[in-house]
N, C-alpha and C. Protein backbone atom coordinates (compact mmCIF):
# COMPACT_ATOMS: atom_id res chain seq x y z
N GLN A 1 120.87 87.08 85.06
CA GLN A 1 120.69 85.84 84.31
C GLN A 1 119.31 85.25 84.54
N VAL A 2 119.00 84.94 85.77
CA VAL A 2 117.70 84.39 86.14
C VAL A 2 117.01 85.38 87.07
N GLN A 3 115.76 85.68 86.76
CA GLN A 3 115.03 86.60 87.61
C GLN A 3 113.53 86.36 87.54
N LEU A 4 112.85 86.84 88.55
CA LEU A 4 111.39 86.80 88.62
C LEU A 4 110.88 88.23 88.65
N VAL A 5 109.89 88.51 87.86
CA VAL A 5 109.33 89.84 87.79
C VAL A 5 107.83 89.77 88.02
N GLU A 6 107.37 90.44 89.07
CA GLU A 6 105.94 90.49 89.38
C GLU A 6 105.30 91.71 88.73
N SER A 7 104.02 91.60 88.47
CA SER A 7 103.26 92.72 87.94
C SER A 7 101.79 92.53 88.31
N GLY A 8 101.02 93.60 88.17
CA GLY A 8 99.59 93.52 88.38
C GLY A 8 99.08 94.13 89.67
N GLY A 9 99.97 94.56 90.52
CA GLY A 9 99.54 95.17 91.77
C GLY A 9 98.97 96.55 91.54
N GLY A 10 98.35 97.09 92.59
CA GLY A 10 97.78 98.40 92.49
C GLY A 10 96.78 98.67 93.59
N LEU A 11 96.02 99.74 93.41
CA LEU A 11 94.99 100.14 94.37
C LEU A 11 93.64 99.65 93.89
N VAL A 12 92.91 99.02 94.79
CA VAL A 12 91.59 98.50 94.45
C VAL A 12 90.66 98.69 95.64
N GLN A 13 89.38 98.87 95.35
CA GLN A 13 88.40 99.02 96.42
C GLN A 13 88.04 97.68 97.03
N PRO A 14 87.59 97.68 98.28
CA PRO A 14 87.14 96.42 98.88
C PRO A 14 86.09 95.75 98.02
N GLY A 15 86.23 94.44 97.89
CA GLY A 15 85.33 93.68 97.04
C GLY A 15 85.81 93.55 95.61
N GLY A 16 86.85 94.27 95.26
CA GLY A 16 87.36 94.25 93.91
C GLY A 16 88.27 93.07 93.64
N SER A 17 88.85 93.07 92.45
CA SER A 17 89.70 91.97 92.00
C SER A 17 90.99 92.49 91.40
N LEU A 18 92.01 91.68 91.50
CA LEU A 18 93.29 91.94 90.87
C LEU A 18 93.88 90.61 90.44
N ARG A 19 94.70 90.66 89.41
CA ARG A 19 95.41 89.49 88.94
C ARG A 19 96.89 89.79 88.90
N LEU A 20 97.65 89.08 89.70
CA LEU A 20 99.09 89.25 89.75
C LEU A 20 99.77 88.23 88.83
N SER A 21 100.87 88.64 88.24
CA SER A 21 101.65 87.77 87.38
C SER A 21 103.08 87.72 87.86
N CYS A 22 103.71 86.58 87.68
CA CYS A 22 105.11 86.39 88.02
C CYS A 22 105.76 85.65 86.87
N ALA A 23 106.65 86.33 86.17
CA ALA A 23 107.31 85.76 85.01
C ALA A 23 108.78 85.46 85.31
N ALA A 24 109.18 84.25 85.02
CA ALA A 24 110.57 83.85 85.16
C ALA A 24 111.29 84.02 83.84
N SER A 25 112.47 84.59 83.89
CA SER A 25 113.24 84.81 82.68
C SER A 25 114.68 84.36 82.88
N GLY A 26 115.38 84.19 81.77
CA GLY A 26 116.75 83.74 81.80
C GLY A 26 116.89 82.37 81.17
N SER A 27 118.09 81.84 81.22
CA SER A 27 118.37 80.51 80.67
C SER A 27 118.05 79.47 81.73
N LEU A 28 116.88 78.88 81.61
CA LEU A 28 116.38 77.96 82.61
C LEU A 28 116.41 76.52 82.13
N PHE A 29 116.91 75.66 82.98
CA PHE A 29 116.79 74.24 82.72
C PHE A 29 115.46 73.71 83.21
N GLY A 30 115.02 74.25 84.35
CA GLY A 30 113.75 73.83 84.90
C GLY A 30 113.15 74.88 85.82
N LEU A 31 111.84 74.96 85.80
CA LEU A 31 111.09 75.84 86.68
C LEU A 31 110.17 74.95 87.49
N ASN A 32 110.45 74.85 88.77
CA ASN A 32 109.73 73.91 89.62
C ASN A 32 108.59 74.61 90.37
N ALA A 33 108.50 74.39 91.67
CA ALA A 33 107.40 74.97 92.43
C ALA A 33 107.46 76.49 92.41
N MET A 34 106.28 77.11 92.40
CA MET A 34 106.18 78.56 92.45
C MET A 34 105.14 78.93 93.50
N GLY A 35 105.37 80.05 94.15
CA GLY A 35 104.44 80.46 95.18
C GLY A 35 104.35 81.97 95.31
N TRP A 36 103.31 82.38 96.01
CA TRP A 36 103.10 83.79 96.32
C TRP A 36 103.14 83.97 97.82
N TYR A 37 103.89 84.95 98.25
CA TYR A 37 103.96 85.34 99.65
C TYR A 37 103.51 86.79 99.77
N ARG A 38 103.14 87.19 100.95
CA ARG A 38 102.81 88.59 101.17
C ARG A 38 103.31 89.02 102.53
N GLN A 39 103.57 90.30 102.64
CA GLN A 39 104.03 90.87 103.89
C GLN A 39 103.34 92.21 104.10
N ALA A 40 102.49 92.24 105.10
CA ALA A 40 101.80 93.47 105.48
C ALA A 40 102.67 94.26 106.45
N SER A 41 102.38 95.53 106.57
CA SER A 41 103.13 96.40 107.46
C SER A 41 103.06 95.88 108.89
N GLY A 42 104.23 95.71 109.48
CA GLY A 42 104.30 95.26 110.86
C GLY A 42 104.11 93.77 111.06
N LYS A 43 103.99 93.01 109.98
CA LYS A 43 103.78 91.58 110.09
C LYS A 43 104.88 90.82 109.36
N GLN A 44 105.00 89.55 109.69
CA GLN A 44 105.97 88.70 109.01
C GLN A 44 105.44 88.25 107.66
N ARG A 45 106.36 87.92 106.79
CA ARG A 45 105.98 87.42 105.49
C ARG A 45 105.31 86.06 105.64
N GLU A 46 104.22 85.87 104.92
CA GLU A 46 103.46 84.63 105.02
C GLU A 46 103.18 84.06 103.64
N LEU A 47 103.06 82.77 103.60
CA LEU A 47 102.73 82.09 102.35
C LEU A 47 101.26 82.30 102.04
N VAL A 48 100.97 82.71 100.83
CA VAL A 48 99.60 82.90 100.37
C VAL A 48 99.12 81.68 99.61
N ALA A 49 99.91 81.25 98.65
CA ALA A 49 99.54 80.11 97.81
C ALA A 49 100.79 79.54 97.16
N VAL A 50 100.74 78.27 96.87
CA VAL A 50 101.86 77.61 96.20
C VAL A 50 101.31 76.64 95.17
N ILE A 51 102.05 76.47 94.10
CA ILE A 51 101.67 75.53 93.06
C ILE A 51 102.90 74.77 92.60
N THR A 52 102.78 73.47 92.50
CA THR A 52 103.89 72.64 92.04
C THR A 52 103.95 72.66 90.53
N ARG A 53 105.02 72.09 90.01
CA ARG A 53 105.17 72.02 88.57
C ARG A 53 104.03 71.23 87.94
N GLY A 54 103.54 70.24 88.66
CA GLY A 54 102.46 69.42 88.15
C GLY A 54 101.08 70.00 88.35
N GLY A 55 100.98 71.12 89.07
CA GLY A 55 99.70 71.78 89.22
C GLY A 55 99.00 71.61 90.55
N SER A 56 99.59 70.90 91.49
CA SER A 56 99.00 70.80 92.82
C SER A 56 99.10 72.13 93.54
N THR A 57 98.06 72.50 94.26
CA THR A 57 98.01 73.81 94.91
C THR A 57 97.73 73.71 96.39
N ASN A 58 98.09 74.76 97.10
CA ASN A 58 97.80 74.88 98.51
C ASN A 58 97.64 76.36 98.82
N TYR A 59 96.73 76.68 99.75
CA TYR A 59 96.41 78.06 100.06
C TYR A 59 96.39 78.31 101.55
N ALA A 60 96.70 79.54 101.91
CA ALA A 60 96.50 79.96 103.28
C ALA A 60 95.01 80.02 103.57
N ASP A 61 94.62 79.70 104.79
CA ASP A 61 93.21 79.71 105.15
C ASP A 61 92.56 81.07 104.91
N SER A 62 93.31 82.13 105.08
CA SER A 62 92.76 83.46 104.96
C SER A 62 92.35 83.83 103.54
N VAL A 63 92.87 83.12 102.55
CA VAL A 63 92.56 83.46 101.17
C VAL A 63 91.82 82.35 100.44
N LYS A 64 91.67 81.22 101.07
CA LYS A 64 91.02 80.08 100.42
C LYS A 64 89.60 80.44 100.01
N GLY A 65 89.27 80.13 98.78
CA GLY A 65 87.96 80.45 98.25
C GLY A 65 87.90 81.78 97.55
N ARG A 66 88.88 82.63 97.78
CA ARG A 66 88.90 83.96 97.15
C ARG A 66 90.04 84.09 96.14
N PHE A 67 91.16 83.44 96.41
CA PHE A 67 92.33 83.53 95.54
C PHE A 67 92.52 82.22 94.80
N THR A 68 93.07 82.31 93.60
CA THR A 68 93.39 81.14 92.81
C THR A 68 94.78 81.30 92.21
N ILE A 69 95.64 80.33 92.47
CA ILE A 69 96.97 80.34 91.88
C ILE A 69 96.97 79.40 90.68
N SER A 70 97.66 79.80 89.64
CA SER A 70 97.76 78.99 88.44
C SER A 70 99.12 79.24 87.79
N ARG A 71 99.42 78.47 86.77
CA ARG A 71 100.68 78.67 86.07
C ARG A 71 100.56 78.26 84.62
N ASP A 72 101.38 78.88 83.81
CA ASP A 72 101.49 78.55 82.40
C ASP A 72 102.96 78.21 82.18
N ASN A 73 103.26 76.93 82.13
CA ASN A 73 104.65 76.51 82.04
C ASN A 73 105.30 76.95 80.73
N ALA A 74 104.53 77.01 79.67
CA ALA A 74 105.08 77.44 78.39
C ALA A 74 105.53 78.89 78.45
N ARG A 75 104.80 79.70 79.21
CA ARG A 75 105.15 81.11 79.37
C ARG A 75 106.01 81.37 80.58
N ARG A 76 106.30 80.33 81.34
CA ARG A 76 107.12 80.45 82.55
C ARG A 76 106.54 81.49 83.50
N THR A 77 105.25 81.44 83.66
CA THR A 77 104.55 82.45 84.43
C THR A 77 103.57 81.84 85.41
N ALA A 78 103.54 82.38 86.62
CA ALA A 78 102.55 82.03 87.61
C ALA A 78 101.62 83.20 87.82
N TYR A 79 100.38 82.91 88.18
CA TYR A 79 99.37 83.94 88.37
C TYR A 79 98.71 83.78 89.73
N LEU A 80 98.23 84.88 90.23
CA LEU A 80 97.42 84.87 91.43
C LEU A 80 96.19 85.72 91.15
N GLN A 81 95.07 85.06 90.94
CA GLN A 81 93.81 85.76 90.72
C GLN A 81 93.14 86.00 92.06
N MET A 82 92.90 87.25 92.38
CA MET A 82 92.36 87.63 93.68
C MET A 82 90.99 88.26 93.50
N HIS A 83 90.01 87.71 94.19
CA HIS A 83 88.65 88.22 94.18
C HIS A 83 88.23 88.59 95.61
N SER A 84 87.18 89.38 95.69
CA SER A 84 86.62 89.77 96.99
C SER A 84 87.70 90.28 97.93
N LEU A 85 88.50 91.17 97.42
CA LEU A 85 89.62 91.69 98.20
C LEU A 85 89.14 92.49 99.40
N GLU A 86 89.86 92.35 100.48
CA GLU A 86 89.55 93.00 101.73
C GLU A 86 90.72 93.88 102.15
N PRO A 87 90.46 94.88 102.99
CA PRO A 87 91.58 95.72 103.46
C PRO A 87 92.70 94.90 104.10
N GLU A 88 92.35 93.78 104.70
CA GLU A 88 93.35 92.91 105.33
C GLU A 88 94.29 92.27 104.31
N ASP A 89 93.93 92.32 103.04
CA ASP A 89 94.79 91.77 101.99
C ASP A 89 95.88 92.75 101.58
N THR A 90 95.82 93.96 102.07
CA THR A 90 96.83 94.96 101.74
C THR A 90 98.21 94.50 102.18
N ALA A 91 99.13 94.45 101.26
CA ALA A 91 100.48 93.96 101.55
C ALA A 91 101.34 94.06 100.30
N ASP A 92 102.62 93.85 100.48
CA ASP A 92 103.52 93.64 99.37
C ASP A 92 103.51 92.16 99.04
N TYR A 93 103.25 91.84 97.79
CA TYR A 93 103.16 90.45 97.36
C TYR A 93 104.43 90.07 96.60
N TYR A 94 105.01 88.95 96.99
CA TYR A 94 106.26 88.49 96.42
C TYR A 94 106.10 87.13 95.78
N CYS A 95 106.72 86.97 94.64
CA CYS A 95 106.77 85.69 93.98
C CYS A 95 108.02 84.94 94.41
N ASN A 96 107.89 83.66 94.61
CA ASN A 96 109.00 82.79 94.99
C ASN A 96 108.96 81.56 94.10
N ALA A 97 110.11 81.15 93.61
CA ALA A 97 110.14 80.01 92.71
C ALA A 97 111.42 79.22 92.87
N ASN A 98 111.30 77.92 92.68
CA ASN A 98 112.46 77.03 92.66
C ASN A 98 112.87 76.87 91.21
N ILE A 99 114.06 77.35 90.88
CA ILE A 99 114.53 77.40 89.50
C ILE A 99 115.87 76.69 89.37
N HIS A 100 115.98 75.90 88.32
CA HIS A 100 117.24 75.26 87.97
C HIS A 100 117.80 75.99 86.75
N PRO A 101 118.78 76.88 86.93
CA PRO A 101 119.38 77.57 85.79
C PRO A 101 120.06 76.59 84.84
N LEU A 102 120.12 76.94 83.59
CA LEU A 102 120.65 76.05 82.57
C LEU A 102 122.10 75.65 82.83
N LEU A 103 122.91 76.59 83.29
CA LEU A 103 124.34 76.34 83.46
C LEU A 103 124.74 75.98 84.88
N ARG A 104 123.78 75.68 85.71
CA ARG A 104 124.06 75.25 87.07
C ARG A 104 123.65 73.79 87.25
N GLY A 105 124.28 73.17 88.25
CA GLY A 105 124.02 71.76 88.46
C GLY A 105 122.82 71.45 89.34
N SER A 106 122.21 72.47 89.92
CA SER A 106 121.08 72.24 90.80
C SER A 106 120.18 73.46 90.83
N ALA A 107 119.02 73.30 91.46
CA ALA A 107 118.05 74.38 91.55
C ALA A 107 118.24 75.20 92.82
N SER A 108 117.78 76.43 92.76
CA SER A 108 117.81 77.33 93.90
C SER A 108 116.50 78.10 93.98
N TRP A 109 116.24 78.67 95.14
CA TRP A 109 115.04 79.47 95.33
C TRP A 109 115.33 80.92 94.97
N TYR A 110 114.41 81.53 94.25
CA TYR A 110 114.54 82.91 93.81
C TYR A 110 113.33 83.71 94.26
N TRP A 111 113.57 84.98 94.52
CA TRP A 111 112.51 85.91 94.92
C TRP A 111 112.39 87.04 93.91
N GLY A 112 111.16 87.46 93.67
CA GLY A 112 110.94 88.68 92.91
C GLY A 112 111.05 89.88 93.83
N GLN A 113 110.98 91.07 93.25
CA GLN A 113 111.12 92.29 94.03
C GLN A 113 109.83 92.72 94.70
N GLY A 114 108.73 92.13 94.30
CA GLY A 114 107.46 92.40 94.94
C GLY A 114 106.60 93.39 94.18
N THR A 115 105.31 93.30 94.41
CA THR A 115 104.36 94.25 93.86
C THR A 115 103.35 94.59 94.95
N GLN A 116 103.01 95.85 95.06
CA GLN A 116 102.17 96.31 96.15
C GLN A 116 100.69 96.20 95.80
N VAL A 117 99.94 95.66 96.74
CA VAL A 117 98.48 95.58 96.63
C VAL A 117 97.89 96.37 97.78
N THR A 118 97.09 97.36 97.45
CA THR A 118 96.42 98.17 98.47
C THR A 118 94.92 98.09 98.26
N VAL A 119 94.21 97.65 99.28
CA VAL A 119 92.76 97.54 99.24
C VAL A 119 92.20 98.60 100.17
N SER A 120 91.59 99.61 99.60
CA SER A 120 91.11 100.73 100.40
C SER A 120 89.99 101.46 99.68
N SER A 121 89.12 102.07 100.48
CA SER A 121 88.05 102.89 99.94
C SER A 121 88.55 104.28 99.60
């Protein structure tokens, strides 16, 4: 019924760029805050960036100045534009969103299945 689908991951050389997308689908009453998390091998999942419904953003220190999170509410999609990628950015990237389904009385947090980003020469 309600799901998040990430896309845009892949292999890129250091210094390169990628743009990740996260699209929410289903019968939605509301799509609230959306965020990007990542989990590198052997590490815990960490918040990369978050954006509220109104457009306020917050970033992890490690990506500030290089990554930009944005959203298109009409398309129910969040984006993560990544520049100057480093090998340390290699991880599985997950979309997270607070969604109020149309036929439910309240919102819940949903996760996408993830998309892999590999930064390597």
